Amino acid sequence: MTQKATTPDERFLIKCYQTALAKGDPYQILDYRSIARSIGQKETAMKNIIKHLAQANLIKKIGETTLQLTPRGCALVLEIL
C-alpha cells in the first residue's frame, strides 16, 4: 500500500485537524506556530500558506497567531485521510 504524497498545505491542515481533535473539537482555536514546528515548516513560509488557506475558506484567522479550521477545511482533511 502506497501513501499519496502531500503538499505542505495539506500536511498543515491534517496536523491542525489532528491537534484540534486531540483537544476534543475539530473547530478548536489553535496557535499555528507549534503546528508549523511539528511539521518542519518555517514561520515565514507558514504565514504565506495560512494566507492562501484563509482565502480558500479552509481556515479562519482568529488573531495574529491563532486560527481554526472551517467546516470546508475539515471536509477536505477527511477526504485526504
PDB file of N, CA and C in Angstrom:
ATOM      1  N   MET A   1       0.845  -1.165   0.000  1.00  0.00           N
ATOM      2  CA  MET A   1       0.000   0.000   0.000  1.00  0.00           C
ATOM      3  C   MET A   1       0.899   1.241   0.000  1.00  0.00           C
ATOM      4  N   THR A   2       0.675   2.141  -0.944  1.00  0.00           N
ATOM      5  CA  THR A   2       1.475   3.359  -1.014  1.00  0.00           C
ATOM      6  C   THR A   2       0.681   4.532  -0.481  1.00  0.00           C
ATOM      7  N   GLN A   3       1.402   5.479   0.112  1.00  0.00           N
ATOM      8  CA  GLN A   3       0.752   6.668   0.637  1.00  0.00           C
ATOM      9  C   GLN A   3       0.887   7.794  -0.378  1.00  0.00           C
ATOM     10  N   LYS A   4      -0.186   8.510  -0.595  1.00  0.00           N
ATOM     11  CA  LYS A   4      -0.184   9.615  -1.533  1.00  0.00           C
ATOM     12  C   LYS A   4       0.678  10.747  -0.974  1.00  0.00           C
ATOM     13  N   ALA A   5       1.484  11.369  -1.817  1.00  0.00           N
ATOM     14  CA  ALA A   5       2.306  12.492  -1.391  1.00  0.00           C
ATOM     15  C   ALA A   5       1.412  13.678  -1.037  1.00  0.00           C
ATOM     16  N   THR A   6       1.806  14.415  -0.038  1.00  0.00           N
ATOM     17  CA  THR A   6       1.023  15.572   0.385  1.00  0.00           C
ATOM     18  C   THR A   6       1.860  16.841   0.279  1.00  0.00           C
ATOM     19  N   THR A   7       1.187  17.941   0.028  1.00  0.00           N
ATOM     20  CA  THR A   7       1.848  19.235  -0.032  1.00  0.00           C
ATOM     21  C   THR A   7       1.997  19.784   1.385  1.00  0.00           C
ATOM     22  N   PRO A   8       2.827  20.803   1.566  1.00  0.00           N
ATOM     23  CA  PRO A   8       2.926  21.421   2.902  1.00  0.00           C
ATOM     24  C   PRO A   8       1.579  21.950   3.389  1.00  0.00           C
ATOM     25  N   ASP A   9       0.765  22.453   2.479  1.00  0.00           N
ATOM     26  CA  ASP A   9      -0.567  22.941   2.853  1.00  0.00           C
ATOM     27  C   ASP A   9      -1.422  21.809   3.425  1.00  0.00           C
ATOM     28  N   GLU A  10      -1.406  20.677   2.735  1.00  0.00           N
ATOM     29  CA  GLU A  10      -2.194  19.524   3.187  1.00  0.00           C
ATOM     30  C   GLU A  10      -1.670  18.985   4.512  1.00  0.00           C
ATOM     31  N   ARG A  11      -0.353  18.911   4.659  1.00  0.00           N
ATOM     32  CA  ARG A  11       0.218  18.440   5.929  1.00  0.00           C
ATOM     33  C   ARG A  11      -0.189  19.365   7.070  1.00  0.00           C
ATOM     34  N   PHE A  12      -0.194  20.671   6.811  1.00  0.00           N
ATOM     35  CA  PHE A  12      -0.588  21.636   7.828  1.00  0.00           C
ATOM     36  C   PHE A  12      -2.052  21.459   8.213  1.00  0.00           C
ATOM     37  N   LEU A  13      -2.930  21.312   7.234  1.00  0.00           N
ATOM     38  CA  LEU A  13      -4.352  21.117   7.526  1.00  0.00           C
ATOM     39  C   LEU A  13      -4.588  19.831   8.309  1.00  0.00           C
ATOM     40  N   ILE A  14      -3.910  18.761   7.912  1.00  0.00           N
ATOM     41  CA  ILE A  14      -4.066  17.478   8.605  1.00  0.00           C
ATOM     42  C   ILE A  14      -3.597  17.599  10.049  1.00  0.00           C
ATOM     43  N   LYS A  15      -2.455  18.241  10.259  1.00  0.00           N
ATOM     44  CA  LYS A  15      -1.923  18.396  11.619  1.00  0.00           C
ATOM     45  C   LYS A  15      -2.838  19.286  12.457  1.00  0.00           C
ATOM     46  N   CYS A  16      -3.410  20.343  11.855  1.00  0.00           N
ATOM     47  CA  CYS A  16      -4.370  21.189  12.570  1.00  0.00           C
ATOM     48  C   CYS A  16      -5.573  20.364  13.013  1.00  0.00           C
ATOM     49  N   TYR A  17      -6.083  19.563  12.098  1.00  0.00           N
ATOM     50  CA  TYR A  17      -7.244  18.728  12.401  1.00  0.00           C
ATOM     51  C   TYR A  17      -6.925  17.742  13.523  1.00  0.00           C
ATOM     52  N   GLN A  18      -5.779  17.078  13.424  1.00  0.00           N
ATOM     53  CA  GLN A  18      -5.391  16.100  14.442  1.00  0.00           C
ATOM     54  C   GLN A  18      -5.184  16.764  15.799  1.00  0.00           C
ATOM     55  N   THR A  19      -4.563  17.930  15.811  1.00  0.00           N
ATOM     56  CA  THR A  19      -4.324  18.649  17.070  1.00  0.00           C
ATOM     57  C   THR A  19      -5.641  19.096  17.689  1.00  0.00           C
ATOM     58  N   ALA A  20      -6.525  19.654  16.885  1.00  0.00           N
ATOM     59  CA  ALA A  20      -7.820  20.110  17.393  1.00  0.00           C
ATOM     60  C   ALA A  20      -8.662  18.939  17.880  1.00  0.00           C
ATOM     61  N   LEU A  21      -8.628  17.841  17.144  1.00  0.00           N
ATOM     62  CA  LEU A  21      -9.401  16.663  17.538  1.00  0.00           C
ATOM     63  C   LEU A  21      -8.883  16.081  18.847  1.00  0.00           C
ATOM     64  N   ALA A  22      -7.568  16.141  19.053  1.00  0.00           N
ATOM     65  CA  ALA A  22      -6.986  15.652  20.308  1.00  0.00           C
ATOM     66  C   ALA A  22      -7.469  16.490  21.493  1.00  0.00           C
ATOM     67  N   LYS A  23      -7.804  17.752  21.230  1.00  0.00           N
ATOM     68  CA  LYS A  23      -8.330  18.624  22.285  1.00  0.00           C
ATOM     69  C   LYS A  23      -9.836  18.484  22.441  1.00  0.00           C
ATOM     70  N   GLY A  24     -10.467  17.671  21.568  1.00  0.00           N
ATOM     71  CA  GLY A  24     -11.878  17.364  21.726  1.00  0.00           C
ATOM     72  C   GLY A  24     -12.823  18.008  20.734  1.00  0.00           C
ATOM     73  N   ASP A  25     -12.363  18.951  19.923  1.00  0.00           N
ATOM     74  CA  ASP A  25     -13.255  19.648  18.999  1.00  0.00           C
ATOM     75  C   ASP A  25     -12.483  19.990  17.732  1.00  0.00           C
ATOM     76  N   PRO A  26     -12.937  19.530  16.557  1.00  0.00           N
ATOM     77  CA  PRO A  26     -12.189  19.828  15.330  1.00  0.00           C
ATOM     78  C   PRO A  26     -12.170  21.311  14.977  1.00  0.00           C
ATOM     79  N   TYR A  27     -13.027  22.114  15.600  1.00  0.00           N
ATOM     80  CA  TYR A  27     -13.063  23.555  15.346  1.00  0.00           C
ATOM     81  C   TYR A  27     -12.391  24.352  16.458  1.00  0.00           C
ATOM     82  N   GLN A  28     -11.542  23.693  17.211  1.00  0.00           N
ATOM     83  CA  GLN A  28     -10.794  24.310  18.310  1.00  0.00           C
ATOM     84  C   GLN A  28      -9.876  25.411  17.763  1.00  0.00           C
ATOM     85  N   ILE A  29      -9.734  26.504  18.516  1.00  0.00           N
ATOM     86  CA  ILE A  29      -8.814  27.573  18.130  1.00  0.00           C
ATOM     87  C   ILE A  29      -7.394  27.114  18.447  1.00  0.00           C
ATOM     88  N   LEU A  30      -6.495  27.240  17.459  1.00  0.00           N
ATOM     89  CA  LEU A  30      -5.131  26.729  17.569  1.00  0.00           C
ATOM     90  C   LEU A  30      -4.104  27.824  17.321  1.00  0.00           C
ATOM     91  N   ASP A  31      -2.936  27.666  17.905  1.00  0.00           N
ATOM     92  CA  ASP A  31      -1.788  28.524  17.624  1.00  0.00           C
ATOM     93  C   ASP A  31      -0.984  27.840  16.522  1.00  0.00           C
ATOM     94  N   TYR A  32      -0.826  28.502  15.387  1.00  0.00           N
ATOM     95  CA  TYR A  32      -0.204  27.852  14.234  1.00  0.00           C
ATOM     96  C   TYR A  32       1.292  27.632  14.397  1.00  0.00           C
ATOM     97  N   ARG A  33       1.969  28.366  15.284  1.00  0.00           N
ATOM     98  CA  ARG A  33       3.423  28.273  15.390  1.00  0.00           C
ATOM     99  C   ARG A  33       3.889  26.890  15.849  1.00  0.00           C
ATOM    100  N   SER A  34       3.210  26.311  16.816  1.00  0.00           N
ATOM    101  CA  SER A  34       3.614  24.980  17.291  1.00  0.00           C
ATOM    102  C   SER A  34       3.341  23.912  16.229  1.00  0.00           C
ATOM    103  N   ILE A  35       2.277  24.090  15.478  1.00  0.00           N
ATOM    104  CA  ILE A  35       1.958  23.143  14.407  1.00  0.00           C
ATOM    105  C   ILE A  35       2.983  23.250  13.290  1.00  0.00           C
ATOM    106  N   ALA A  36       3.383  24.469  12.961  1.00  0.00           N
ATOM    107  CA  ALA A  36       4.398  24.677  11.917  1.00  0.00           C
ATOM    108  C   ALA A  36       5.709  24.000  12.293  1.00  0.00           C
ATOM    109  N   ARG A  37       6.113  24.137  13.551  1.00  0.00           N
ATOM    110  CA  ARG A  37       7.351  23.482  14.009  1.00  0.00           C
ATOM    111  C   ARG A  37       7.230  21.970  13.942  1.00  0.00           C
ATOM    112  N   SER A  38       6.066  21.446  14.272  1.00  0.00           N
ATOM    113  CA  SER A  38       5.906  19.988  14.305  1.00  0.00           C
ATOM    114  C   SER A  38       5.956  19.362  12.913  1.00  0.00           C
ATOM    115  N   ILE A  39       5.628  20.133  11.865  1.00  0.00           N
ATOM    116  CA  ILE A  39       5.701  19.587  10.506  1.00  0.00           C
ATOM    117  C   ILE A  39       6.944  20.076   9.766  1.00  0.00           C
ATOM    118  N   GLY A  40       7.800  20.826  10.465  1.00  0.00           N
ATOM    119  CA  GLY A  40       9.072  21.239   9.876  1.00  0.00           C
ATOM    120  C   GLY A  40       9.006  22.425   8.937  1.00  0.00           C
ATOM    121  N   GLN A  41       8.031  23.297   9.112  1.00  0.00           N
ATOM    122  CA  GLN A  41       7.905  24.491   8.277  1.00  0.00           C
ATOM    123  C   GLN A  41       8.363  25.728   9.048  1.00  0.00           C
ATOM    124  N   LYS A  42       8.986  26.657   8.337  1.00  0.00           N
ATOM    125  CA  LYS A  42       9.407  27.911   8.947  1.00  0.00           C
ATOM    126  C   LYS A  42       8.198  28.829   9.086  1.00  0.00           C
ATOM    127  N   GLU A  43       8.289  29.714  10.075  1.00  0.00           N
ATOM    128  CA  GLU A  43       7.153  30.592  10.374  1.00  0.00           C
ATOM    129  C   GLU A  43       6.819  31.517   9.206  1.00  0.00           C
ATOM    130  N   THR A  44       7.819  32.002   8.501  1.00  0.00           N
ATOM    131  CA  THR A  44       7.545  32.902   7.377  1.00  0.00           C
ATOM    132  C   THR A  44       6.822  32.172   6.243  1.00  0.00           C
ATOM    133  N   ALA A  45       7.204  30.945   5.983  1.00  0.00           N
ATOM    134  CA  ALA A  45       6.505  30.151   4.965  1.00  0.00           C
ATOM    135  C   ALA A  45       5.074  29.865   5.403  1.00  0.00           C
ATOM    136  N   MET A  46       4.884  29.631   6.697  1.00  0.00           N
ATOM    137  CA  MET A  46       3.549  29.324   7.208  1.00  0.00           C
ATOM    138  C   MET A  46       2.616  30.515   7.066  1.00  0.00           C
ATOM    139  N   LYS A  47       3.135  31.727   7.250  1.00  0.00           N
ATOM    140  CA  LYS A  47       2.278  32.910   7.095  1.00  0.00           C
ATOM    141  C   LYS A  47       1.706  32.980   5.686  1.00  0.00           C
ATOM    142  N   ASN A  48       2.516  32.639   4.710  1.00  0.00           N
ATOM    143  CA  ASN A  48       2.066  32.640   3.324  1.00  0.00           C
ATOM    144  C   ASN A  48       1.035  31.532   3.084  1.00  0.00           C
ATOM    145  N   ILE A  49       1.307  30.345   3.612  1.00  0.00           N
ATOM    146  CA  ILE A  49       0.373  29.226   3.469  1.00  0.00           C
ATOM    147  C   ILE A  49      -0.962  29.556   4.137  1.00  0.00           C
ATOM    148  N   ILE A  50      -0.893  30.132   5.331  1.00  0.00           N
ATOM    149  CA  ILE A  50      -2.111  30.477   6.073  1.00  0.00           C
ATOM    150  C   ILE A  50      -2.931  31.510   5.308  1.00  0.00           C
ATOM    151  N   LYS A  51      -2.269  32.478   4.700  1.00  0.00           N
ATOM    152  CA  LYS A  51      -2.975  33.494   3.921  1.00  0.00           C
ATOM    153  C   LYS A  51      -3.766  32.845   2.784  1.00  0.00           C
ATOM    154  N   HIS A  52      -3.138  31.905   2.088  1.00  0.00           N
ATOM    155  CA  HIS A  52      -3.816  31.247   0.975  1.00  0.00           C
ATOM    156  C   HIS A  52      -4.925  30.299   1.444  1.00  0.00           C
ATOM    157  N   LEU A  53      -4.709  29.600   2.541  1.00  0.00           N
ATOM    158  CA  LEU A  53      -5.746  28.715   3.070  1.00  0.00           C
ATOM    159  C   LEU A  53      -6.961  29.514   3.541  1.00  0.00           C
ATOM    160  N   ALA A  54      -6.709  30.700   4.104  1.00  0.00           N
ATOM    161  CA  ALA A  54      -7.816  31.557   4.549  1.00  0.00           C
ATOM    162  C   ALA A  54      -8.589  32.085   3.338  1.00  0.00           C
ATOM    163  N   GLN A  55      -7.886  32.433   2.262  1.00  0.00           N
ATOM    164  CA  GLN A  55      -8.555  32.901   1.052  1.00  0.00           C
ATOM    165  C   GLN A  55      -9.413  31.801   0.428  1.00  0.00           C
ATOM    166  N   ALA A  56      -8.989  30.556   0.593  1.00  0.00           N
ATOM    167  CA  ALA A  56      -9.746  29.419   0.060  1.00  0.00           C
ATOM    168  C   ALA A  56     -10.843  28.960   1.017  1.00  0.00           C
ATOM    169  N   ASN A  57     -11.014  29.667   2.134  1.00  0.00           N
ATOM    170  CA  ASN A  57     -12.034  29.359   3.132  1.00  0.00           C
ATOM    171  C   ASN A  57     -11.834  27.974   3.759  1.00  0.00           C
ATOM    172  N   LEU A  58     -10.587  27.568   3.948  1.00  0.00           N
ATOM    173  CA  LEU A  58     -10.292  26.296   4.607  1.00  0.00           C
ATOM    174  C   LEU A  58      -9.954  26.505   6.074  1.00  0.00           C
ATOM    175  N   ILE A  59      -9.472  27.696   6.409  1.00  0.00           N
ATOM    176  CA  ILE A  59      -9.223  28.068   7.801  1.00  0.00           C
ATOM    177  C   ILE A  59      -9.746  29.476   8.017  1.00  0.00           C
ATOM    178  N   LYS A  60      -9.917  29.830   9.284  1.00  0.00           N
ATOM    179  CA  LYS A  60     -10.338  31.180   9.638  1.00  0.00           C
ATOM    180  C   LYS A  60      -9.316  31.734  10.620  1.00  0.00           C
ATOM    181  N   LYS A  61      -8.719  32.870  10.269  1.00  0.00           N
ATOM    182  CA  LYS A  61      -7.766  33.517  11.165  1.00  0.00           C
ATOM    183  C   LYS A  61      -8.546  34.179  12.292  1.00  0.00           C
ATOM    184  N   ILE A  62      -8.149  33.892  13.532  1.00  0.00           N
ATOM    185  CA  ILE A  62      -8.814  34.470  14.689  1.00  0.00           C
ATOM    186  C   ILE A  62      -8.010  35.657  15.211  1.00  0.00           C
ATOM    187  N   GLY A  63      -6.714  35.468  15.319  1.00  0.00           N
ATOM    188  CA  GLY A  63      -5.825  36.525  15.788  1.00  0.00           C
ATOM    189  C   GLY A  63      -4.551  36.512  14.976  1.00  0.00           C
ATOM    190  N   GLU A  64      -3.530  37.167  15.502  1.00  0.00           N
ATOM    191  CA  GLU A  64      -2.254  37.232  14.783  1.00  0.00           C
ATOM    192  C   GLU A  64      -1.626  35.850  14.612  1.00  0.00           C
ATOM    193  N   THR A  65      -1.718  35.002  15.635  1.00  0.00           N
ATOM    194  CA  THR A  65      -1.096  33.675  15.568  1.00  0.00           C
ATOM    195  C   THR A  65      -2.095  32.544  15.778  1.00  0.00           C
ATOM    196  N   THR A  66      -3.376  32.854  15.842  1.00  0.00           N
ATOM    197  CA  THR A  66      -4.374  31.814  16.092  1.00  0.00           C
ATOM    198  C   THR A  66      -5.308  31.668  14.897  1.00  0.00           C
ATOM    199  N   LEU A  67      -5.798  30.444  14.750  1.00  0.00           N
ATOM    200  CA  LEU A  67      -6.702  30.126  13.647  1.00  0.00           C
ATOM    201  C   LEU A  67      -7.576  28.954  14.043  1.00  0.00           C
ATOM    202  N   GLN A  68      -8.570  28.685  13.208  1.00  0.00           N
ATOM    203  CA  GLN A  68      -9.384  27.483  13.387  1.00  0.00           C
ATOM    204  C   GLN A  68      -9.803  26.975  12.018  1.00  0.00           C
ATOM    205  N   LEU A  69     -10.025  25.677  11.937  1.00  0.00           N
ATOM    206  CA  LEU A  69     -10.492  25.070  10.693  1.00  0.00           C
ATOM    207  C   LEU A  69     -11.945  25.440  10.455  1.00  0.00           C
ATOM    208  N   THR A  70     -12.310  25.581   9.208  1.00  0.00           N
ATOM    209  CA  THR A  70     -13.712  25.793   8.841  1.00  0.00           C
ATOM    210  C   THR A  70     -14.323  24.424   8.514  1.00  0.00           C
ATOM    211  N   PRO A  71     -15.644  24.348   8.423  1.00  0.00           N
ATOM    212  CA  PRO A  71     -16.251  23.069   8.017  1.00  0.00           C
ATOM    213  C   PRO A  71     -15.710  22.570   6.674  1.00  0.00           C
ATOM    214  N   ARG A  72     -15.452  23.498   5.761  1.00  0.00           N
ATOM    215  CA  ARG A  72     -14.886  23.120   4.464  1.00  0.00           C
ATOM    216  C   ARG A  72     -13.479  22.543   4.620  1.00  0.00           C
ATOM    217  N   GLY A  73     -12.686  23.118   5.528  1.00  0.00           N
ATOM    218  CA  GLY A  73     -11.340  22.612   5.798  1.00  0.00           C
ATOM    219  C   GLY A  73     -11.382  21.216   6.407  1.00  0.00           C
ATOM    220  N   CYS A  74     -12.313  21.008   7.346  1.00  0.00           N
ATOM    221  CA  CYS A  74     -12.451  19.674   7.951  1.00  0.00           C
ATOM    222  C   CYS A  74     -12.870  18.640   6.910  1.00  0.00           C
ATOM    223  N   ALA A  75     -13.770  19.015   6.026  1.00  0.00           N
ATOM    224  CA  ALA A  75     -14.213  18.098   4.979  1.00  0.00           C
ATOM    225  C   ALA A  75     -13.056  17.721   4.060  1.00  0.00           C
ATOM    226  N   LEU A  76     -12.210  18.680   3.735  1.00  0.00           N
ATOM    227  CA  LEU A  76     -11.061  18.397   2.880  1.00  0.00           C
ATOM    228  C   LEU A  76     -10.085  17.447   3.573  1.00  0.00           C
ATOM    229  N   VAL A  77      -9.836  17.672   4.856  1.00  0.00           N
ATOM    230  CA  VAL A  77      -8.926  16.788   5.604  1.00  0.00           C
ATOM    231  C   VAL A  77      -9.470  15.372   5.621  1.00  0.00           C
ATOM    232  N   LEU A  78     -10.749  15.213   5.868  1.00  0.00           N
ATOM    233  CA  LEU A  78     -11.342  13.884   5.907  1.00  0.00           C
ATOM    234  C   LEU A  78     -11.268  13.214   4.540  1.00  0.00           C
ATOM    235  N   GLU A  79     -11.366  14.005   3.477  1.00  0.00           N
ATOM    236  CA  GLU A  79     -11.228  13.446   2.124  1.00  0.00           C
ATOM    237  C   GLU A  79      -9.795  12.990   1.870  1.00  0.00           C
ATOM    238  N   ILE A  80      -8.823  13.765   2.356  1.00  0.00           N
ATOM    239  CA  ILE A  80      -7.414  13.429   2.174  1.00  0.00           C
ATOM    240  C   ILE A  80      -7.076  12.141   2.934  1.00  0.00           C
ATOM    241  N   LEU A  81      -7.590  12.077   4.176  1.00  0.00           N
ATOM    242  CA  LEU A  81      -7.285  10.904   5.000  1.00  0.00           C
ATOM    243  C   LEU A  81      -8.070   9.712   4.504  1.00  0.00           C
TER     244      LEU A  81
END
